[in-house]
Amino acid sequence: MTIREIAAALSLTVLCAESGLDREIDGGYASDMLSCVMAGAKKGNVWITLLTHLNVIAVAVLLEIPAIVISENSPVDESVLKKAEDEGITLLRTPEDTYTVVGKLYALGIR
């Protein structure tokens, strides 16, 4: 499933890196602990988190995570958006909580 398909199915707002919307997602990971993400997320996953600071982008780049869903409409600083855009990490946002987003992704077949 592509980032574009996920964004449409979950009514996510695309915040940056629209050029990456056609990248494939092959799994998902949800956590607000960067150390847990570094230990458990895999290349090609979509990451669901409340976190919106620059270290999130650094971890996504390190792990080759192409998309991050920011839950609960957490605000994202312009510097974070710019860094994500520069690194090709698509940031998406939703008003829903992480638990709800994960359930919907699971129902779409993202495991």
PDB file of N, CA and C in Angstrom:
ATOM      1  N   MET A   1       0.847  -1.163   0.000  1.00  0.00           N
ATOM      2  CA  MET A   1       0.000   0.000   0.000  1.00  0.00           C
ATOM      3  C   MET A   1       0.897   1.232   0.000  1.00  0.00           C
ATOM      4  N   THR A   2       0.530   2.259  -0.744  1.00  0.00           N
ATOM      5  CA  THR A   2       1.347   3.465  -0.811  1.00  0.00           C
ATOM      6  C   THR A   2       0.955   4.462   0.286  1.00  0.00           C
ATOM      7  N   ILE A   3       1.838   5.409   0.526  1.00  0.00           N
ATOM      8  CA  ILE A   3       1.546   6.476   1.478  1.00  0.00           C
ATOM      9  C   ILE A   3       0.298   7.238   1.027  1.00  0.00           C
ATOM     10  N   ARG A   4       0.180   7.480  -0.255  1.00  0.00           N
ATOM     11  CA  ARG A   4      -0.990   8.183  -0.800  1.00  0.00           C
ATOM     12  C   ARG A   4      -2.290   7.437  -0.480  1.00  0.00           C
ATOM     13  N   GLU A   5      -2.281   6.116  -0.656  1.00  0.00           N
ATOM     14  CA  GLU A   5      -3.470   5.310  -0.368  1.00  0.00           C
ATOM     15  C   GLU A   5      -3.818   5.340   1.119  1.00  0.00           C
ATOM     16  N   ILE A   6      -2.796   5.278   1.954  1.00  0.00           N
ATOM     17  CA  ILE A   6      -3.016   5.350   3.398  1.00  0.00           C
ATOM     18  C   ILE A   6      -3.584   6.716   3.773  1.00  0.00           C
ATOM     19  N   ALA A   7      -3.000   7.769   3.240  1.00  0.00           N
ATOM     20  CA  ALA A   7      -3.462   9.125   3.544  1.00  0.00           C
ATOM     21  C   ALA A   7      -4.924   9.305   3.145  1.00  0.00           C
ATOM     22  N   ALA A   8      -5.298   8.783   1.995  1.00  0.00           N
ATOM     23  CA  ALA A   8      -6.686   8.904   1.532  1.00  0.00           C
ATOM     24  C   ALA A   8      -7.631   8.083   2.410  1.00  0.00           C
ATOM     25  N   ALA A   9      -7.242   6.864   2.711  1.00  0.00           N
ATOM     26  CA  ALA A   9      -8.108   5.967   3.486  1.00  0.00           C
ATOM     27  C   ALA A   9      -8.348   6.474   4.908  1.00  0.00           C
ATOM     28  N   LEU A  10      -7.353   7.136   5.490  1.00  0.00           N
ATOM     29  CA  LEU A  10      -7.455   7.609   6.871  1.00  0.00           C
ATOM     30  C   LEU A  10      -7.740   9.111   6.961  1.00  0.00           C
ATOM     31  N   SER A  11      -7.945   9.753   5.812  1.00  0.00           N
ATOM     32  CA  SER A  11      -8.185  11.207   5.763  1.00  0.00           C
ATOM     33  C   SER A  11      -7.091  11.980   6.499  1.00  0.00           C
ATOM     34  N   LEU A  12      -5.845  11.630   6.198  1.00  0.00           N
ATOM     35  CA  LEU A  12      -4.698  12.288   6.825  1.00  0.00           C
ATOM     36  C   LEU A  12      -4.351  13.564   6.070  1.00  0.00           C
ATOM     37  N   THR A  13      -3.863  14.548   6.787  1.00  0.00           N
ATOM     38  CA  THR A  13      -3.379  15.782   6.184  1.00  0.00           C
ATOM     39  C   THR A  13      -1.903  15.612   5.865  1.00  0.00           C
ATOM     40  N   VAL A  14      -1.517  15.866   4.625  1.00  0.00           N
ATOM     41  CA  VAL A  14      -0.112  15.794   4.224  1.00  0.00           C
ATOM     42  C   VAL A  14       0.541  17.123   4.578  1.00  0.00           C
ATOM     43  N   LEU A  15       1.569  17.075   5.414  1.00  0.00           N
ATOM     44  CA  LEU A  15       2.248  18.288   5.863  1.00  0.00           C
ATOM     45  C   LEU A  15       3.458  18.635   5.012  1.00  0.00           C
ATOM     46  N   CYS A  16       4.145  17.617   4.490  1.00  0.00           N
ATOM     47  CA  CYS A  16       5.323  17.878   3.653  1.00  0.00           C
ATOM     48  C   CYS A  16       5.736  16.615   2.910  1.00  0.00           C
ATOM     49  N   ALA A  17       6.660  16.811   1.983  1.00  0.00           N
ATOM     50  CA  ALA A  17       7.242  15.734   1.172  1.00  0.00           C
ATOM     51  C   ALA A  17       6.187  14.981   0.369  1.00  0.00           C
ATOM     52  N   GLU A  18       5.340  15.739  -0.304  1.00  0.00           N
ATOM     53  CA  GLU A  18       4.320  15.126  -1.160  1.00  0.00           C
ATOM     54  C   GLU A  18       4.929  14.300  -2.284  1.00  0.00           C
ATOM     55  N   SER A  19       6.169  14.580  -2.629  1.00  0.00           N
ATOM     56  CA  SER A  19       6.833  13.816  -3.691  1.00  0.00           C
ATOM     57  C   SER A  19       7.010  12.345  -3.317  1.00  0.00           C
ATOM     58  N   GLY A  20       6.909  12.031  -2.023  1.00  0.00           N
ATOM     59  CA  GLY A  20       7.075  10.650  -1.579  1.00  0.00           C
ATOM     60  C   GLY A  20       5.785   9.876  -1.408  1.00  0.00           C
ATOM     61  N   LEU A  21       4.662  10.460  -1.812  1.00  0.00           N
ATOM     62  CA  LEU A  21       3.365   9.825  -1.570  1.00  0.00           C
ATOM     63  C   LEU A  21       3.178   8.482  -2.281  1.00  0.00           C
ATOM     64  N   ASP A  22       3.932   8.229  -3.313  1.00  0.00           N
ATOM     65  CA  ASP A  22       3.768   6.971  -4.028  1.00  0.00           C
ATOM     66  C   ASP A  22       4.729   5.880  -3.551  1.00  0.00           C
ATOM     67  N   ARG A  23       5.441   6.148  -2.462  1.00  0.00           N
ATOM     68  CA  ARG A  23       6.316   5.125  -1.887  1.00  0.00           C
ATOM     69  C   ARG A  23       5.474   4.070  -1.192  1.00  0.00           C
ATOM     70  N   GLU A  24       5.961   2.843  -1.238  1.00  0.00           N
ATOM     71  CA  GLU A  24       5.264   1.712  -0.630  1.00  0.00           C
ATOM     72  C   GLU A  24       5.553   1.622   0.866  1.00  0.00           C
ATOM     73  N   ILE A  25       4.538   1.253   1.611  1.00  0.00           N
ATOM     74  CA  ILE A  25       4.648   0.990   3.042  1.00  0.00           C
ATOM     75  C   ILE A  25       4.408  -0.500   3.240  1.00  0.00           C
ATOM     76  N   ASP A  26       5.307  -1.150   3.967  1.00  0.00           N
ATOM     77  CA  ASP A  26       5.172  -2.596   4.141  1.00  0.00           C
ATOM     78  C   ASP A  26       4.969  -3.025   5.591  1.00  0.00           C
ATOM     79  N   GLY A  27       4.754  -2.071   6.473  1.00  0.00           N
ATOM     80  CA  GLY A  27       4.511  -2.388   7.873  1.00  0.00           C
ATOM     81  C   GLY A  27       4.379  -1.102   8.660  1.00  0.00           C
ATOM     82  N   GLY A  28       4.158  -1.233   9.936  1.00  0.00           N
ATOM     83  CA  GLY A  28       4.003  -0.052  10.761  1.00  0.00           C
ATOM     84  C   GLY A  28       4.582  -0.230  12.141  1.00  0.00           C
ATOM     85  N   TYR A  29       4.817   0.897  12.794  1.00  0.00           N
ATOM     86  CA  TYR A  29       5.323   0.884  14.155  1.00  0.00           C
ATOM     87  C   TYR A  29       4.765   2.098  14.877  1.00  0.00           C
ATOM     88  N   ALA A  30       4.375   1.929  16.126  1.00  0.00           N
ATOM     89  CA  ALA A  30       3.835   3.038  16.920  1.00  0.00           C
ATOM     90  C   ALA A  30       4.578   3.116  18.245  1.00  0.00           C
ATOM     91  N   SER A  31       5.154   4.282  18.516  1.00  0.00           N
ATOM     92  CA  SER A  31       5.805   4.522  19.795  1.00  0.00           C
ATOM     93  C   SER A  31       6.185   5.990  19.894  1.00  0.00           C
ATOM     94  N   ASP A  32       6.233   6.475  21.133  1.00  0.00           N
ATOM     95  CA  ASP A  32       6.713   7.814  21.402  1.00  0.00           C
ATOM     96  C   ASP A  32       8.090   7.779  22.069  1.00  0.00           C
ATOM     97  N   MET A  33       8.672   6.614  22.153  1.00  0.00           N
ATOM     98  CA  MET A  33      10.020   6.450  22.713  1.00  0.00           C
ATOM     99  C   MET A  33      10.988   6.191  21.561  1.00  0.00           C
ATOM    100  N   LEU A  34      11.886   7.137  21.329  1.00  0.00           N
ATOM    101  CA  LEU A  34      12.804   7.006  20.207  1.00  0.00           C
ATOM    102  C   LEU A  34      13.648   5.741  20.296  1.00  0.00           C
ATOM    103  N   SER A  35      14.059   5.357  21.488  1.00  0.00           N
ATOM    104  CA  SER A  35      14.869   4.145  21.641  1.00  0.00           C
ATOM    105  C   SER A  35      14.075   2.900  21.238  1.00  0.00           C
ATOM    106  N   CYS A  36      12.785   2.885  21.535  1.00  0.00           N
ATOM    107  CA  CYS A  36      11.942   1.752  21.131  1.00  0.00           C
ATOM    108  C   CYS A  36      11.790   1.711  19.613  1.00  0.00           C
ATOM    109  N   VAL A  37      11.616   2.864  19.005  1.00  0.00           N
ATOM    110  CA  VAL A  37      11.497   2.932  17.546  1.00  0.00           C
ATOM    111  C   VAL A  37      12.789   2.431  16.911  1.00  0.00           C
ATOM    112  N   MET A  38      13.922   2.870  17.442  1.00  0.00           N
ATOM    113  CA  MET A  38      15.204   2.440  16.881  1.00  0.00           C
ATOM    114  C   MET A  38      15.399   0.935  17.004  1.00  0.00           C
ATOM    115  N   ALA A  39      14.848   0.340  18.042  1.00  0.00           N
ATOM    116  CA  ALA A  39      14.988  -1.101  18.249  1.00  0.00           C
ATOM    117  C   ALA A  39      13.953  -1.922  17.491  1.00  0.00           C
ATOM    118  N   GLY A  40      12.760  -1.338  17.255  1.00  0.00           N
ATOM    119  CA  GLY A  40      11.678  -2.152  16.713  1.00  0.00           C
ATOM    120  C   GLY A  40      11.173  -1.831  15.324  1.00  0.00           C
ATOM    121  N   ALA A  41      11.302  -0.582  14.901  1.00  0.00           N
ATOM    122  CA  ALA A  41      10.797  -0.216  13.572  1.00  0.00           C
ATOM    123  C   ALA A  41      11.727  -0.738  12.497  1.00  0.00           C
ATOM    124  N   LYS A  42      11.173  -0.904  11.310  1.00  0.00           N
ATOM    125  CA  LYS A  42      11.942  -1.454  10.197  1.00  0.00           C
ATOM    126  C   LYS A  42      11.847  -0.537   8.977  1.00  0.00           C
ATOM    127  N   LYS A  43      12.816  -0.666   8.128  1.00  0.00           N
ATOM    128  CA  LYS A  43      12.833   0.067   6.862  1.00  0.00           C
ATOM    129  C   LYS A  43      11.498  -0.144   6.151  1.00  0.00           C
ATOM    130  N   GLY A  44      10.920   0.942   5.652  1.00  0.00           N
ATOM    131  CA  GLY A  44       9.674   0.844   4.910  1.00  0.00           C
ATOM    132  C   GLY A  44       8.421   0.917   5.763  1.00  0.00           C
ATOM    133  N   ASN A  45       8.572   1.029   7.086  1.00  0.00           N
ATOM    134  CA  ASN A  45       7.413   1.155   7.981  1.00  0.00           C
ATOM    135  C   ASN A  45       6.856   2.568   7.951  1.00  0.00           C
ATOM    136  N   VAL A  46       5.586   2.679   8.313  1.00  0.00           N
ATOM    137  CA  VAL A  46       5.007   3.968   8.663  1.00  0.00           C
ATOM    138  C   VAL A  46       5.079   4.044  10.185  1.00  0.00           C
ATOM    139  N   TRP A  47       5.449   5.209  10.707  1.00  0.00           N
ATOM    140  CA  TRP A  47       5.622   5.383  12.148  1.00  0.00           C
ATOM    141  C   TRP A  47       4.519   6.300  12.658  1.00  0.00           C
ATOM    142  N   ILE A  48       3.821   5.889  13.704  1.00  0.00           N
ATOM    143  CA  ILE A  48       2.751   6.688  14.298  1.00  0.00           C
ATOM    144  C   ILE A  48       3.236   7.170  15.658  1.00  0.00           C
ATOM    145  N   THR A  49       3.170   8.497  15.864  1.00  0.00           N
ATOM    146  CA  THR A  49       3.689   9.086  17.094  1.00  0.00           C
ATOM    147  C   THR A  49       3.058  10.446  17.363  1.00  0.00           C
ATOM    148  N   LEU A  50       3.143  10.875  18.605  1.00  0.00           N
ATOM    149  CA  LEU A  50       2.784  12.232  19.013  1.00  0.00           C
ATOM    150  C   LEU A  50       3.971  13.182  18.892  1.00  0.00           C
ATOM    151  N   LEU A  51       5.169  12.627  18.839  1.00  0.00           N
ATOM    152  CA  LEU A  51       6.384  13.431  18.857  1.00  0.00           C
ATOM    153  C   LEU A  51       6.548  14.241  17.583  1.00  0.00           C
ATOM    154  N   THR A  52       7.051  15.461  17.731  1.00  0.00           N
ATOM    155  CA  THR A  52       7.202  16.320  16.552  1.00  0.00           C
ATOM    156  C   THR A  52       8.509  17.105  16.565  1.00  0.00           C
ATOM    157  N   HIS A  53       9.528  16.622  17.251  1.00  0.00           N
ATOM    158  CA  HIS A  53      10.786  17.362  17.279  1.00  0.00           C
ATOM    159  C   HIS A  53      11.770  16.810  16.247  1.00  0.00           C
ATOM    160  N   LEU A  54      12.867  17.509  16.063  1.00  0.00           N
ATOM    161  CA  LEU A  54      13.833  17.157  15.013  1.00  0.00           C
ATOM    162  C   LEU A  54      14.406  15.752  15.159  1.00  0.00           C
ATOM    163  N   ASN A  55      14.512  15.249  16.377  1.00  0.00           N
ATOM    164  CA  ASN A  55      15.066  13.900  16.553  1.00  0.00           C
ATOM    165  C   ASN A  55      14.197  12.831  15.900  1.00  0.00           C
ATOM    166  N   VAL A  56      12.912  13.094  15.764  1.00  0.00           N
ATOM    167  CA  VAL A  56      12.014  12.153  15.078  1.00  0.00           C
ATOM    168  C   VAL A  56      12.457  11.992  13.620  1.00  0.00           C
ATOM    169  N   ILE A  57      12.782  13.099  12.994  1.00  0.00           N
ATOM    170  CA  ILE A  57      13.228  13.046  11.596  1.00  0.00           C
ATOM    171  C   ILE A  57      14.568  12.308  11.504  1.00  0.00           C
ATOM    172  N   ALA A  58      15.460  12.565  12.433  1.00  0.00           N
ATOM    173  CA  ALA A  58      16.757  11.887  12.429  1.00  0.00           C
ATOM    174  C   ALA A  58      16.596  10.373  12.532  1.00  0.00           C
ATOM    175  N   VAL A  59      15.726   9.926  13.410  1.00  0.00           N
ATOM    176  CA  VAL A  59      15.487   8.479  13.558  1.00  0.00           C
ATOM    177  C   VAL A  59      14.860   7.912  12.286  1.00  0.00           C
ATOM    178  N   ALA A  60      13.916   8.626  11.706  1.00  0.00           N
ATOM    179  CA  ALA A  60      13.281   8.153  10.467  1.00  0.00           C
ATOM    180  C   ALA A  60      14.301   8.020   9.341  1.00  0.00           C
ATOM    181  N   VAL A  61      15.213   8.972   9.238  1.00  0.00           N
ATOM    182  CA  VAL A  61      16.261   8.904   8.211  1.00  0.00           C
ATOM    183  C   VAL A  61      17.169   7.705   8.470  1.00  0.00           C
ATOM    184  N   LEU A  62      17.585   7.543   9.711  1.00  0.00           N
ATOM    185  CA  LEU A  62      18.472   6.444  10.081  1.00  0.00           C
ATOM    186  C   LEU A  62      17.866   5.084   9.738  1.00  0.00           C
ATOM    187  N   LEU A  63      16.570   4.920   9.997  1.00  0.00           N
ATOM    188  CA  LEU A  63      15.898   3.636   9.793  1.00  0.00           C
ATOM    189  C   LEU A  63      15.244   3.500   8.413  1.00  0.00           C
ATOM    190  N   GLU A  64      15.331   4.545   7.603  1.00  0.00           N
ATOM    191  CA  GLU A  64      14.702   4.571   6.273  1.00  0.00           C
ATOM    192  C   GLU A  64      13.187   4.389   6.372  1.00  0.00           C
ATOM    193  N   ILE A  65      12.592   5.136   7.288  1.00  0.00           N
ATOM    194  CA  ILE A  65      11.139   5.180   7.450  1.00  0.00           C
ATOM    195  C   ILE A  65      10.621   6.295   6.556  1.00  0.00           C
ATOM    196  N   PRO A  66       9.814   5.984   5.559  1.00  0.00           N
ATOM    197  CA  PRO A  66       9.408   6.999   4.587  1.00  0.00           C
ATOM    198  C   PRO A  66       8.269   7.917   5.029  1.00  0.00           C
ATOM    199  N   ALA A  67       7.518   7.528   6.064  1.00  0.00           N
ATOM    200  CA  ALA A  67       6.357   8.330   6.455  1.00  0.00           C
ATOM    201  C   ALA A  67       6.126   8.259   7.954  1.00  0.00           C
ATOM    202  N   ILE A  68       5.717   9.408   8.496  1.00  0.00           N
ATOM    203  CA  ILE A  68       5.385   9.502   9.917  1.00  0.00           C
ATOM    204  C   ILE A  68       3.989  10.096  10.020  1.00  0.00           C
ATOM    205  N   VAL A  69       3.130   9.440  10.793  1.00  0.00           N
ATOM    206  CA  VAL A  69       1.803   9.974  11.079  1.00  0.00           C
ATOM    207  C   VAL A  69       1.851  10.595  12.464  1.00  0.00           C
ATOM    208  N   ILE A  70       1.579  11.897  12.518  1.00  0.00           N
ATOM    209  CA  ILE A  70       1.529  12.628  13.777  1.00  0.00           C
ATOM    210  C   ILE A  70       0.091  12.572  14.275  1.00  0.00           C
ATOM    211  N   SER A  71      -0.103  11.968  15.429  1.00  0.00           N
ATOM    212  CA  SER A  71      -1.458  11.802  15.963  1.00  0.00           C
ATOM    213  C   SER A  71      -1.863  12.989  16.838  1.00  0.00           C
ATOM    214  N   GLU A  72      -3.154  13.059  17.125  1.00  0.00           N
ATOM    215  CA  GLU A  72      -3.761  14.056  18.007  1.00  0.00           C
ATOM    216  C   GLU A  72      -3.457  15.503  17.609  1.00  0.00           C
ATOM    217  N   ASN A  73      -3.284  15.720  16.302  1.00  0.00           N
ATOM    218  CA  ASN A  73      -3.023  17.067  15.771  1.00  0.00           C
ATOM    219  C   ASN A  73      -1.887  17.785  16.483  1.00  0.00           C
ATOM    220  N   SER A  74      -0.879  17.035  16.901  1.00  0.00           N
ATOM    221  CA  SER A  74       0.272  17.659  17.550  1.00  0.00           C
ATOM    222  C   SER A  74       0.874  18.704  16.616  1.00  0.00           C
ATOM    223  N   PRO A  75       1.189  19.882  17.142  1.00  0.00           N
ATOM    224  CA  PRO A  75       1.757  20.924  16.299  1.00  0.00           C
ATOM    225  C   PRO A  75       3.170  20.562  15.847  1.00  0.00           C
ATOM    226  N   VAL A  76       3.513  20.960  14.638  1.00  0.00           N
ATOM    227  CA  VAL A  76       4.826  20.663  14.075  1.00  0.00           C
ATOM    228  C   VAL A  76       5.502  21.980  13.712  1.00  0.00           C
ATOM    229  N   ASP A  77       6.680  22.199  14.270  1.00  0.00           N
ATOM    230  CA  ASP A  77       7.445  23.410  14.014  1.00  0.00           C
ATOM    231  C   ASP A  77       7.906  23.459  12.558  1.00  0.00           C
ATOM    232  N   GLU A  78       8.016  24.655  12.039  1.00  0.00           N
ATOM    233  CA  GLU A  78       8.441  24.844  10.647  1.00  0.00           C
ATOM    234  C   GLU A  78       9.820  24.233  10.386  1.00  0.00           C
ATOM    235  N   SER A  79      10.721  24.286  11.363  1.00  0.00           N
ATOM    236  CA  SER A  79      12.056  23.708  11.175  1.00  0.00           C
ATOM    237  C   SER A  79      11.986  22.196  10.996  1.00  0.00           C
ATOM    238  N   VAL A  80      11.039  21.561  11.666  1.00  0.00           N
ATOM    239  CA  VAL A  80      10.855  20.110  11.527  1.00  0.00           C
ATOM    240  C   VAL A  80      10.286  19.787  10.146  1.00  0.00           C
ATOM    241  N   LEU A  81       9.325  20.573   9.704  1.00  0.00           N
ATOM    242  CA  LEU A  81       8.760  20.370   8.360  1.00  0.00           C
ATOM    243  C   LEU A  81       9.831  20.525   7.291  1.00  0.00           C
ATOM    244  N   LYS A  82      10.677  21.534   7.440  1.00  0.00           N
ATOM    245  CA  LYS A  82      11.741  21.762   6.455  1.00  0.00           C
ATOM    246  C   LYS A  82      12.721  20.595   6.435  1.00  0.00           C
ATOM    247  N   LYS A  83      13.113  20.123   7.619  1.00  0.00           N
ATOM    248  CA  LYS A  83      14.056  19.000   7.690  1.00  0.00           C
ATOM    249  C   LYS A  83      13.441  17.738   7.088  1.00  0.00           C
ATOM    250  N   ALA A  84      12.195  17.475   7.393  1.00  0.00           N
ATOM    251  CA  ALA A  84      11.516  16.308   6.826  1.00  0.00           C
ATOM    252  C   ALA A  84      11.445  16.416   5.308  1.00  0.00           C
ATOM    253  N   GLU A  85      11.104  17.583   4.818  1.00  0.00           N
ATOM    254  CA  GLU A  85      11.051  17.805   3.362  1.00  0.00           C
ATOM    255  C   GLU A  85      12.424  17.569   2.745  1.00  0.00           C
ATOM    256  N   ASP A  86      13.466  18.151   3.336  1.00  0.00           N
ATOM    257  CA  ASP A  86      14.831  17.987   2.826  1.00  0.00           C
ATOM    258  C   ASP A  86      15.258  16.525   2.801  1.00  0.00           C
ATOM    259  N   GLU A  87      14.795  15.745   3.777  1.00  0.00           N
ATOM    260  CA  GLU A  87      15.185  14.331   3.883  1.00  0.00           C
ATOM    261  C   GLU A  87      14.225  13.396   3.143  1.00  0.00           C
ATOM    262  N   GLY A  88      13.126  13.938   2.595  1.00  0.00           N
ATOM    263  CA  GLY A  88      12.174  13.105   1.867  1.00  0.00           C
ATOM    264  C   GLY A  88      11.283  12.256   2.759  1.00  0.00           C
ATOM    265  N   ILE A  89      11.084  12.698   3.987  1.00  0.00           N
ATOM    266  CA  ILE A  89      10.204  11.991   4.922  1.00  0.00           C
ATOM    267  C   ILE A  89       8.834  12.645   4.870  1.00  0.00           C
ATOM    268  N   THR A  90       7.821  11.904   4.458  1.00  0.00           N
ATOM    269  CA  THR A  90       6.469  12.450   4.380  1.00  0.00           C
ATOM    270  C   THR A  90       5.861  12.500   5.776  1.00  0.00           C
ATOM    271  N   LEU A  91       5.456  13.705   6.190  1.00  0.00           N
ATOM    272  CA  LEU A  91       4.771  13.876   7.467  1.00  0.00           C
ATOM    273  C   LEU A  91       3.285  14.033   7.208  1.00  0.00           C
ATOM    274  N   LEU A  92       2.505  13.272   7.951  1.00  0.00           N
ATOM    275  CA  LEU A  92       1.051  13.304   7.852  1.00  0.00           C
ATOM    276  C   LEU A  92       0.499  13.576   9.245  1.00  0.00           C
ATOM    277  N   ARG A  93      -0.684  14.171   9.308  1.00  0.00           N
ATOM    278  CA  ARG A  93      -1.258  14.468  10.627  1.00  0.00           C
ATOM    279  C   ARG A  93      -2.726  14.090  10.657  1.00  0.00           C
ATOM    280  N   THR A  94      -3.168  13.719  11.876  1.00  0.00           N
ATOM    281  CA  THR A  94      -4.553  13.335  12.105  1.00  0.00           C
ATOM    282  C   THR A  94      -4.991  13.827  13.482  1.00  0.00           C
ATOM    283  N   PRO A  95      -6.271  14.126  13.648  1.00  0.00           N
ATOM    284  CA  PRO A  95      -6.772  14.480  14.981  1.00  0.00           C
ATOM    285  C   PRO A  95      -6.965  13.250  15.873  1.00  0.00           C
ATOM    286  N   GLU A  96      -6.926  12.068  15.292  1.00  0.00           N
ATOM    287  CA  GLU A  96      -7.189  10.840  16.049  1.00  0.00           C
ATOM    288  C   GLU A  96      -5.990  10.452  16.904  1.00  0.00           C
ATOM    289  N   ASP A  97      -6.263   9.672  17.945  1.00  0.00           N
ATOM    290  CA  ASP A  97      -5.184   9.200  18.809  1.00  0.00           C
ATOM    291  C   ASP A  97      -4.444   8.038  18.153  1.00  0.00           C
ATOM    292  N   THR A  98      -3.284   7.739  18.689  1.00  0.00           N
ATOM    293  CA  THR A  98      -2.423   6.706  18.118  1.00  0.00           C
ATOM    294  C   THR A  98      -3.111   5.350  18.062  1.00  0.00           C
ATOM    295  N   TYR A  99      -3.818   4.980  19.105  1.00  0.00           N
ATOM    296  CA  TYR A  99      -4.499   3.691  19.162  1.00  0.00           C
ATOM    297  C   TYR A  99      -5.481   3.538  17.999  1.00  0.00           C
ATOM    298  N   THR A 100      -6.247   4.573  17.743  1.00  0.00           N
ATOM    299  CA  THR A 100      -7.233   4.539  16.661  1.00  0.00           C
ATOM    300  C   THR A 100      -6.550   4.426  15.303  1.00  0.00           C
ATOM    301  N   VAL A 101      -5.488   5.181  15.110  1.00  0.00           N
ATOM    302  CA  VAL A 101      -4.760   5.145  13.834  1.00  0.00           C
ATOM    303  C   VAL A 101      -4.187   3.752  13.583  1.00  0.00           C
ATOM    304  N   VAL A 102      -3.592   3.171  14.609  1.00  0.00           N
ATOM    305  CA  VAL A 102      -3.011   1.830  14.461  1.00  0.00           C
ATOM    306  C   VAL A 102      -4.095   0.816  14.099  1.00  0.00           C
ATOM    307  N   GLY A 103      -5.244   0.901  14.750  1.00  0.00           N
ATOM    308  CA  GLY A 103      -6.345  -0.009  14.429  1.00  0.00           C
ATOM    309  C   GLY A 103      -6.797   0.113  12.982  1.00  0.00           C
ATOM    310  N   LYS A 104      -6.875   1.339  12.503  1.00  0.00           N
ATOM    311  CA  LYS A 104      -7.291   1.557  11.114  1.00  0.00           C
ATOM    312  C   LYS A 104      -6.235   1.051  10.137  1.00  0.00           C
ATOM    313  N   LEU A 105      -4.971   1.268  10.460  1.00  0.00           N
ATOM    314  CA  LEU A 105      -3.906   0.746   9.593  1.00  0.00           C
ATOM    315  C   LEU A 105      -3.928  -0.771   9.556  1.00  0.00           C
ATOM    316  N   TYR A 106      -4.158  -1.380  10.690  1.00  0.00           N
ATOM    317  CA  TYR A 106      -4.236  -2.838  10.761  1.00  0.00           C
ATOM    318  C   TYR A 106      -5.387  -3.348   9.890  1.00  0.00           C
ATOM    319  N   ALA A 107      -6.522  -2.657   9.960  1.00  0.00           N
ATOM    320  CA  ALA A 107      -7.690  -3.043   9.150  1.00  0.00           C
ATOM    321  C   ALA A 107      -7.406  -2.900   7.659  1.00  0.00           C
ATOM    322  N   LEU A 108      -6.498  -1.988   7.300  1.00  0.00           N
ATOM    323  CA  LEU A 108      -6.108  -1.813   5.890  1.00  0.00           C
ATOM    324  C   LEU A 108      -5.113  -2.866   5.422  1.00  0.00           C
ATOM    325  N   GLY A 109      -4.609  -3.663   6.364  1.00  0.00           N
ATOM    326  CA  GLY A 109      -3.655  -4.693   6.000  1.00  0.00           C
ATOM    327  C   GLY A 109      -2.205  -4.336   6.304  1.00  0.00           C
ATOM    328  N   ILE A 110      -1.990  -3.179   6.945  1.00  0.00           N
ATOM    329  CA  ILE A 110      -0.628  -2.794   7.355  1.00  0.00           C
ATOM    330  C   ILE A 110      -0.362  -3.479   8.688  1.00  0.00           C
ATOM    331  N   ARG A 111       0.551  -4.412   8.698  1.00  0.00           N
ATOM    332  CA  ARG A 111       0.843  -5.190   9.901  1.00  0.00           C
ATOM    333  C   ARG A 111       2.199  -4.836  10.468  1.00  0.00           C
TER     334      ARG A 111
END
